[in-house]
C-alpha cells in the first residue's frame, strides 16, 4: 500500500490537479508555447477535481490559467466564459 492510498480521494485529486496545472503552465510559458498541450493539462486538472467531487475552490487556479491560455490564443469570448465558471 502506498502512502497516498491512505489519503482521501480529494487529497489525491488535489495533488494530481496541481501537477497537471503546473504542467499546463510550463507548456504555455515555453519559448514556443504548446497551447494545445497546455489546454489538455488544465482540462485534466479540472477533470481530476470533478471526479473526486473536490470543493469548487480547488478549481480556481486551473480555471484562471485556462482563461489566460484562451487570451494568449486570442480567444477573448472563450476566456471570459472560462473565467465565469
Protein backbone atom coordinates (compact mmCIF):
# COMPACT_ATOMS: atom_id res chain seq x y z
CA UNK A 1 0.00 0.00 0.00
CA UNK A 2 1.34 3.41 -0.98
CA UNK A 3 1.15 6.28 1.48
CA UNK A 4 -1.10 8.16 -0.93
CA UNK A 5 -3.63 5.35 -0.74
CA UNK A 6 -4.40 6.39 2.84
CA UNK A 7 -5.37 9.94 1.85
CA UNK A 8 -8.92 10.79 0.87
CA UNK A 9 -9.70 10.98 -2.83
CA UNK A 10 -9.92 14.76 -2.55
CA UNK A 11 -6.29 15.00 -1.43
CA UNK A 12 -5.11 12.75 -4.25
CA UNK A 13 -7.17 14.75 -6.74
CA UNK A 14 -5.77 17.98 -5.38
CA UNK A 15 -2.20 16.75 -5.84
CA UNK A 16 -2.93 15.46 -9.35
CA UNK A 17 -4.68 18.71 -10.26
CA UNK A 18 -1.71 20.72 -9.02
CA UNK A 19 0.69 18.63 -11.11
CA UNK A 20 -1.47 18.96 -14.22
CA UNK A 21 -1.86 22.69 -13.65
CA UNK A 22 1.90 23.18 -13.35
CA UNK A 23 2.49 21.09 -16.47
CA UNK A 24 -0.02 23.27 -18.30
CA UNK A 25 1.67 26.44 -17.11
CA UNK A 26 5.11 25.21 -18.21
CA UNK A 27 3.74 24.16 -21.61
CA UNK A 28 2.15 27.58 -22.08
CA UNK A 29 5.21 29.57 -20.98
CA UNK A 30 7.79 27.78 -23.14
CA UNK A 31 9.72 29.85 -25.70
CA UNK A 32 7.44 28.15 -28.24
CA UNK A 33 4.18 27.76 -26.34
CA UNK A 34 2.40 24.44 -26.67
CA UNK A 35 -1.11 25.75 -26.21
CA UNK A 36 -2.95 22.57 -27.19
CA UNK A 37 -0.92 20.52 -24.69
CA UNK A 38 -1.38 23.20 -22.06
CA UNK A 39 -5.14 23.17 -22.55
CA UNK A 40 -5.23 19.40 -22.15
CA UNK A 41 -3.28 19.62 -18.88
CA UNK A 42 -5.63 22.26 -17.47
CA UNK A 43 -8.66 20.21 -18.51
CA UNK A 44 -7.12 17.11 -16.91
CA UNK A 45 -6.67 19.07 -13.67
CA UNK A 46 -10.32 20.10 -13.71
CA UNK A 47 -11.42 16.55 -14.52
CA UNK A 48 -9.40 15.11 -11.62
CA UNK A 49 -11.08 17.53 -9.25
CA UNK A 50 -14.54 16.84 -10.69
CA UNK A 51 -14.15 13.07 -10.42
CA UNK A 52 -13.15 13.38 -6.75
CA UNK A 53 -16.02 15.78 -6.02
CA UNK A 54 -13.43 18.17 -4.62
CA UNK A 55 -14.55 21.58 -3.33
CA UNK A 56 -15.11 24.13 -6.07
CA UNK A 57 -12.42 26.50 -4.80
CA UNK A 58 -9.72 24.00 -5.79
CA UNK A 59 -10.59 24.63 -9.44
CA UNK A 60 -9.71 28.34 -9.23
CA UNK A 61 -6.09 28.04 -10.35
CA UNK A 62 -6.58 25.73 -13.35
CA UNK A 63 -9.59 27.78 -14.46
CA UNK A 64 -7.68 31.06 -14.18
CA UNK A 65 -4.74 29.68 -16.13
CA UNK A 66 -7.08 28.21 -18.73
CA UNK A 67 -8.67 31.64 -19.18
CA UNK A 68 -5.18 33.14 -19.60
CA UNK A 69 -4.42 30.50 -22.22
CA UNK A 70 -7.51 31.49 -24.21
CA UNK A 71 -6.45 35.14 -24.03
CA UNK A 72 -2.98 34.15 -25.22
CA UNK A 73 -4.64 32.24 -28.09
CA UNK A 74 -6.59 35.41 -28.96
CA UNK A 75 -9.97 33.96 -27.95
CA UNK A 76 -11.42 36.54 -25.50
CA UNK A 77 -15.00 35.16 -25.57
CA UNK A 78 -13.80 31.72 -24.50
CA UNK A 79 -11.54 33.27 -21.87
CA UNK A 80 -14.46 35.20 -20.42
CA UNK A 81 -16.70 32.12 -20.44
CA UNK A 82 -13.99 30.14 -18.64
CA UNK A 83 -13.35 32.88 -16.10
CA UNK A 84 -17.03 32.97 -15.19
CA UNK A 85 -17.26 29.23 -14.44
